[in-house]
Amino acid sequence: MNAEVSALQKEVDIIHMRLLRANKELSDISHKIKDNRNIRERTQIALCDTELPVLDATFKNALIESCRNTNTCLELSFADKKVSCEKLELQHTKLLKKLATLLTQ
């Protein structure tokens, strides 16, 4: 019984560490999305400058489009990572319940 509890506790700890890592990755992706939006917004504001040379305006339009595309990829990555986190949370909860059951027997 003691070995079973110990093995289960190790599994809980591993899942917990994976969950912490996944949540950190979620936070990082969220910050990247926010930074990218800020870059896009500042670039859009700069485009309002009527005295911009054509080359600068073309570059800024390309930058805006690039930010838009990057954000789409980041948002998809965020959604995937969110699903992974939810699965890990469920697995962690199940293991904790199983551990609690073993400890109360």
Protein backbone atom coordinates (compact mmCIF):
# COMPACT_ATOMS: atom_id res chain seq x y z
CA MET A 1 0.00 0.00 0.00
CA ASN A 2 2.81 2.39 0.91
CA ALA A 3 4.56 1.75 -2.41
CA GLU A 4 1.29 2.39 -4.26
CA VAL A 5 0.79 5.71 -2.46
CA SER A 6 4.39 6.68 -3.14
CA ALA A 7 4.10 5.83 -6.85
CA LEU A 8 0.83 7.74 -7.12
CA GLN A 9 2.35 10.74 -5.33
CA LYS A 10 5.23 10.77 -7.82
CA GLU A 11 2.75 10.67 -10.70
CA VAL A 12 0.77 13.55 -9.15
CA ASP A 13 3.99 15.56 -8.79
CA ILE A 14 4.97 14.92 -12.42
CA ILE A 15 1.54 15.98 -13.71
CA HIS A 16 1.64 19.03 -11.46
CA MET A 17 5.03 20.09 -12.89
CA ARG A 18 3.77 19.56 -16.45
CA LEU A 19 0.71 21.66 -15.62
CA LEU A 20 2.86 24.48 -14.22
CA ARG A 21 5.04 24.42 -17.34
CA ALA A 22 2.00 24.44 -19.64
CA ASN A 23 0.47 27.37 -17.75
CA LYS A 24 3.75 29.29 -18.07
CA GLU A 25 3.72 28.62 -21.82
CA LEU A 26 0.13 29.90 -21.96
CA SER A 27 1.19 33.07 -20.20
CA ASP A 28 4.13 33.53 -22.58
CA ILE A 29 1.91 33.10 -25.64
CA SER A 30 -0.60 35.56 -24.20
CA HIS A 31 2.17 38.16 -23.73
CA LYS A 32 3.40 37.61 -27.29
CA ILE A 33 -0.13 38.15 -28.62
CA LYS A 34 -0.45 41.37 -26.63
CA ASP A 35 2.98 42.63 -27.77
CA ASN A 36 2.16 41.81 -31.37
CA ARG A 37 -1.14 43.70 -31.16
CA ASN A 38 0.67 46.71 -29.73
CA ILE A 39 3.18 46.67 -32.61
CA ARG A 40 0.34 46.43 -35.12
CA GLU A 41 -1.59 49.29 -33.50
CA ARG A 42 1.48 51.57 -33.35
CA THR A 43 2.22 50.79 -36.99
CA GLN A 44 -1.37 51.54 -37.99
CA ILE A 45 -1.14 54.88 -36.20
CA ALA A 46 2.15 55.64 -37.96
CA LEU A 47 0.42 54.96 -41.29
CA CYS A 48 -1.84 57.93 -40.62
CA ASP A 49 1.17 60.18 -41.21
CA THR A 50 0.34 61.70 -44.60
CA GLU A 51 3.95 62.58 -45.34
CA LEU A 52 5.25 59.01 -45.26
CA PRO A 53 7.28 57.99 -48.30
CA VAL A 54 5.66 55.23 -50.35
CA LEU A 55 8.39 52.76 -49.40
CA ASP A 56 7.80 53.36 -45.68
CA ALA A 57 4.05 52.99 -46.11
CA THR A 58 4.55 49.74 -48.03
CA PHE A 59 6.84 48.43 -45.30
CA LYS A 60 4.37 49.39 -42.58
CA ASN A 61 1.50 47.69 -44.43
CA ALA A 62 3.62 44.55 -44.74
CA LEU A 63 4.42 44.74 -41.02
CA ILE A 64 0.73 45.06 -40.15
CA GLU A 65 -0.11 42.04 -42.30
CA SER A 66 2.75 40.06 -40.76
CA CYS A 67 1.52 40.90 -37.25
CA ARG A 68 -1.98 39.84 -38.22
CA ASN A 69 -0.72 36.48 -39.56
CA THR A 70 1.54 35.91 -36.56
CA ASN A 71 -1.31 36.63 -34.16
CA THR A 72 -3.51 34.10 -35.95
CA CYS A 73 -0.82 31.45 -35.44
CA LEU A 74 -0.28 32.49 -31.82
CA GLU A 75 -4.01 32.38 -31.09
CA LEU A 76 -4.24 28.86 -32.53
CA SER A 77 -1.24 27.82 -30.44
CA PHE A 78 -2.86 29.40 -27.38
CA ALA A 79 -6.08 27.44 -27.97
CA ASP A 80 -4.16 24.17 -28.35
CA LYS A 81 -2.15 24.82 -25.21
CA LYS A 82 -5.34 25.76 -23.32
CA VAL A 83 -6.88 22.39 -24.22
CA SER A 84 -3.69 20.64 -23.09
CA CYS A 85 -3.83 22.49 -19.77
CA GLU A 86 -7.45 21.51 -19.23
CA LYS A 87 -6.61 17.84 -19.90
CA LEU A 88 -3.70 18.01 -17.46
CA GLU A 89 -5.93 19.65 -14.84
CA LEU A 90 -8.47 16.84 -15.21
CA GLN A 91 -5.76 14.20 -14.98
CA HIS A 92 -4.28 15.93 -11.93
CA THR A 93 -7.69 16.10 -10.22
CA LYS A 94 -8.38 12.41 -10.89
CA LEU A 95 -5.00 11.42 -9.49
CA LEU A 96 -5.53 13.55 -6.39
CA LYS A 97 -8.91 11.92 -5.80
CA LYS A 98 -7.36 8.48 -6.25
CA LEU A 99 -4.58 9.41 -3.83
CA ALA A 100 -7.09 10.73 -1.29
CA THR A 101 -9.05 7.48 -1.55
CA LEU A 102 -5.91 5.43 -0.94
CA LEU A 103 -4.91 7.55 2.04
CA THR A 104 -8.33 7.28 3.70
CA GLN A 105 -8.50 3.48 3.45
